[in-house]
Amino acid sequence: MAEHRIYGTSFASIYPLYVTKVERKGRERAQVDEVITWLTGYDADGLAAAVADERDLRAFFAQAPAMNPAADLITGVICGIRVEQIEDTLMQQIRWMDKLVDEVARGKRMQSILRA
């Protein structure tokens, strides 16, 4: 079976879409950075490097310093699929990131988004 094409998509192509989405809803880029760093363990320099070297999502998550153990608490529907039921680890990580950015865009409290 062929691998999903999203895996080969560069983080650099997705990141500005996330930023545009939240800014359109009156939120800030810093909030996108906060949820992505919470999920992946990247710091600001690491995120900038991921954008600069245009690594694909497979490499982005493989090179993540430390996936947050609380990421398992991310639940809900994204693209019509429950994120907690996704069996493919990489696809689940991508959808977790999508879900967090969606929650930022909807104006959910950061404490709630970060599962604190």
C-alpha atoms as a PDB file:
ATOM      1  CA  MET A   1       0.000   0.000   0.000  1.00  0.00           C
ATOM      2  CA  ALA A   2       1.321   3.443  -0.914  1.00  0.00           C
ATOM      3  CA  GLU A   3       2.292   5.835   1.853  1.00  0.00           C
ATOM      4  CA  HIS A   4       0.099   8.878   2.415  1.00  0.00           C
ATOM      5  CA  ARG A   5       1.399  11.910   0.528  1.00  0.00           C
ATOM      6  CA  ILE A   6       1.113  14.197   3.579  1.00  0.00           C
ATOM      7  CA  TYR A   7       4.164  12.453   5.047  1.00  0.00           C
ATOM      8  CA  GLY A   8       6.353  13.928   2.306  1.00  0.00           C
ATOM      9  CA  THR A   9       4.899  17.435   2.664  1.00  0.00           C
ATOM     10  CA  SER A  10       7.358  19.933   4.082  1.00  0.00           C
ATOM     11  CA  PHE A  11       6.707  21.473   7.476  1.00  0.00           C
ATOM     12  CA  ALA A  12       7.712  24.790   5.860  1.00  0.00           C
ATOM     13  CA  SER A  13       4.670  24.600   3.570  1.00  0.00           C
ATOM     14  CA  ILE A  14       2.222  23.807   6.381  1.00  0.00           C
ATOM     15  CA  TYR A  15       3.487  26.182   9.077  1.00  0.00           C
ATOM     16  CA  PRO A  16       2.465  29.430   7.287  1.00  0.00           C
ATOM     17  CA  LEU A  17      -1.000  27.953   6.690  1.00  0.00           C
ATOM     18  CA  TYR A  18      -1.357  27.365  10.427  1.00  0.00           C
ATOM     19  CA  VAL A  19      -0.233  30.929  11.159  1.00  0.00           C
ATOM     20  CA  THR A  20      -2.610  32.399   8.585  1.00  0.00           C
ATOM     21  CA  LYS A  21      -5.488  30.373   9.982  1.00  0.00           C
ATOM     22  CA  VAL A  22      -5.037  31.581  13.556  1.00  0.00           C
ATOM     23  CA  GLU A  23      -4.263  35.183  12.597  1.00  0.00           C
ATOM     24  CA  ARG A  24      -7.433  35.297  10.505  1.00  0.00           C
ATOM     25  CA  LYS A  25      -9.303  34.430  13.707  1.00  0.00           C
ATOM     26  CA  GLY A  26      -7.537  37.151  15.723  1.00  0.00           C
ATOM     27  CA  ARG A  27      -4.945  34.923  17.372  1.00  0.00           C
ATOM     28  CA  GLU A  28      -1.142  35.156  17.217  1.00  0.00           C
ATOM     29  CA  ARG A  29       1.772  33.275  15.663  1.00  0.00           C
ATOM     30  CA  ALA A  30       3.268  32.879  19.148  1.00  0.00           C
ATOM     31  CA  GLN A  31       0.293  30.715  20.095  1.00  0.00           C
ATOM     32  CA  VAL A  32       0.931  28.409  17.133  1.00  0.00           C
ATOM     33  CA  ASP A  33       4.579  28.165  18.165  1.00  0.00           C
ATOM     34  CA  GLU A  34       3.574  27.439  21.761  1.00  0.00           C
ATOM     35  CA  VAL A  35       1.320  24.498  20.892  1.00  0.00           C
ATOM     36  CA  ILE A  36       3.801  23.029  18.404  1.00  0.00           C
ATOM     37  CA  THR A  37       6.682  23.297  20.885  1.00  0.00           C
ATOM     38  CA  TRP A  38       4.482  21.792  23.615  1.00  0.00           C
ATOM     39  CA  LEU A  39       3.649  18.837  21.361  1.00  0.00           C
ATOM     40  CA  THR A  40       7.080  18.180  19.850  1.00  0.00           C
ATOM     41  CA  GLY A  41       9.661  19.577  22.253  1.00  0.00           C
ATOM     42  CA  TYR A  42      11.186  21.826  19.594  1.00  0.00           C
ATOM     43  CA  ASP A  43      12.287  25.258  20.812  1.00  0.00           C
ATOM     44  CA  ALA A  44      12.011  28.477  18.749  1.00  0.00           C
ATOM     45  CA  ASP A  45      15.356  27.807  17.055  1.00  0.00           C
ATOM     46  CA  GLY A  46      14.326  24.233  16.274  1.00  0.00           C
ATOM     47  CA  LEU A  47      11.085  25.374  14.662  1.00  0.00           C
ATOM     48  CA  ALA A  48      12.959  27.974  12.622  1.00  0.00           C
ATOM     49  CA  ALA A  49      15.431  25.294  11.493  1.00  0.00           C
ATOM     50  CA  ALA A  50      12.578  22.956  10.497  1.00  0.00           C
ATOM     51  CA  VAL A  51      11.084  25.711   8.356  1.00  0.00           C
ATOM     52  CA  ALA A  52      14.451  26.728   6.897  1.00  0.00           C
ATOM     53  CA  ASP A  53      15.604  23.256   5.868  1.00  0.00           C
ATOM     54  CA  GLU A  54      12.154  22.325   4.567  1.00  0.00           C
ATOM     55  CA  ARG A  55      12.154  18.914   6.216  1.00  0.00           C
ATOM     56  CA  ASP A  56       9.106  16.823   5.496  1.00  0.00           C
ATOM     57  CA  LEU A  57       6.606  15.906   8.195  1.00  0.00           C
ATOM     58  CA  ARG A  58       8.109  12.435   8.543  1.00  0.00           C
ATOM     59  CA  ALA A  59      11.498  13.962   9.413  1.00  0.00           C
ATOM     60  CA  PHE A  60       9.913  16.769  11.450  1.00  0.00           C
ATOM     61  CA  PHE A  61       8.332  14.300  13.865  1.00  0.00           C
ATOM     62  CA  ALA A  62      11.214  11.796  13.744  1.00  0.00           C
ATOM     63  CA  GLN A  63      13.639  14.556  14.763  1.00  0.00           C
ATOM     64  CA  ALA A  64      11.334  16.030  17.403  1.00  0.00           C
ATOM     65  CA  PRO A  65      13.274  16.334  20.666  1.00  0.00           C
ATOM     66  CA  ALA A  66      10.504  14.777  22.761  1.00  0.00           C
ATOM     67  CA  MET A  67       6.846  14.211  22.018  1.00  0.00           C
ATOM     68  CA  ASN A  68       4.811  15.389  24.983  1.00  0.00           C
ATOM     69  CA  PRO A  69       3.501  12.417  26.985  1.00  0.00           C
ATOM     70  CA  ALA A  70       0.244  14.329  27.544  1.00  0.00           C
ATOM     71  CA  ALA A  71      -0.405  14.275  23.784  1.00  0.00           C
ATOM     72  CA  ASP A  72      -2.475  11.133  24.370  1.00  0.00           C
ATOM     73  CA  LEU A  73      -5.019  13.429  26.037  1.00  0.00           C
ATOM     74  CA  ILE A  74      -5.724  15.146  22.695  1.00  0.00           C
ATOM     75  CA  THR A  75      -9.123  13.936  21.565  1.00  0.00           C
ATOM     76  CA  GLY A  76     -11.734  15.018  19.104  1.00  0.00           C
ATOM     77  CA  VAL A  77     -12.430  15.026  15.413  1.00  0.00           C
ATOM     78  CA  ILE A  78     -10.190  16.448  12.718  1.00  0.00           C
ATOM     79  CA  CYS A  79     -11.003  15.940   9.039  1.00  0.00           C
ATOM     80  CA  GLY A  80     -13.905  13.711  10.078  1.00  0.00           C
ATOM     81  CA  ILE A  81     -11.683  11.251  11.964  1.00  0.00           C
ATOM     82  CA  ARG A  82     -11.321  10.845  15.724  1.00  0.00           C
ATOM     83  CA  VAL A  83      -7.650  11.544  16.490  1.00  0.00           C
ATOM     84  CA  GLU A  84      -7.545   9.113  19.386  1.00  0.00           C
ATOM     85  CA  GLN A  85      -8.520   6.244  17.067  1.00  0.00           C
ATOM     86  CA  ILE A  86      -5.820   6.773  14.418  1.00  0.00           C
ATOM     87  CA  GLU A  87      -3.576   3.726  14.403  1.00  0.00           C
ATOM     88  CA  ASP A  88      -0.699   5.072  12.282  1.00  0.00           C
ATOM     89  CA  THR A  89       1.611   6.885  14.728  1.00  0.00           C
ATOM     90  CA  LEU A  90       2.873   9.486  12.262  1.00  0.00           C
ATOM     91  CA  MET A  91      -0.614  10.291  10.990  1.00  0.00           C
ATOM     92  CA  GLN A  92      -1.812  10.611  14.582  1.00  0.00           C
ATOM     93  CA  GLN A  93       1.014  13.039  15.392  1.00  0.00           C
ATOM     94  CA  ILE A  94       0.161  15.147  12.331  1.00  0.00           C
ATOM     95  CA  ARG A  95      -3.518  15.194  13.284  1.00  0.00           C
ATOM     96  CA  TRP A  96      -2.659  16.095  16.892  1.00  0.00           C
ATOM     97  CA  MET A  97      -0.811  19.127  15.579  1.00  0.00           C
ATOM     98  CA  ASP A  98      -3.788  20.014  13.354  1.00  0.00           C
ATOM     99  CA  LYS A  99      -6.149  19.653  16.303  1.00  0.00           C
ATOM    100  CA  LEU A 100      -4.066  21.905  18.559  1.00  0.00           C
ATOM    101  CA  VAL A 101      -3.898  24.622  15.900  1.00  0.00           C
ATOM    102  CA  ASP A 102      -7.666  24.336  15.362  1.00  0.00           C
ATOM    103  CA  GLU A 103      -8.222  24.824  19.080  1.00  0.00           C
ATOM    104  CA  VAL A 104      -6.030  27.948  19.039  1.00  0.00           C
ATOM    105  CA  ALA A 105      -7.991  29.304  16.074  1.00  0.00           C
ATOM    106  CA  ARG A 106     -11.287  28.675  17.865  1.00  0.00           C
ATOM    107  CA  GLY A 107     -10.082  30.697  20.836  1.00  0.00           C
ATOM    108  CA  LYS A 108      -9.919  27.906  23.350  1.00  0.00           C
ATOM    109  CA  ARG A 109      -7.970  28.771  26.539  1.00  0.00           C
ATOM    110  CA  MET A 110      -4.274  27.911  26.221  1.00  0.00           C
ATOM    111  CA  GLN A 111      -4.323  26.044  29.539  1.00  0.00           C
ATOM    112  CA  SER A 112      -7.023  23.777  28.153  1.00  0.00           C
ATOM    113  CA  ILE A 113      -5.269  23.329  24.792  1.00  0.00           C
ATOM    114  CA  LEU A 114      -2.068  22.276  26.551  1.00  0.00           C
ATOM    115  CA  ARG A 115      -3.998  19.728  28.602  1.00  0.00           C
ATOM    116  CA  ALA A 116      -2.851  21.314  31.865  1.00  0.00           C
END
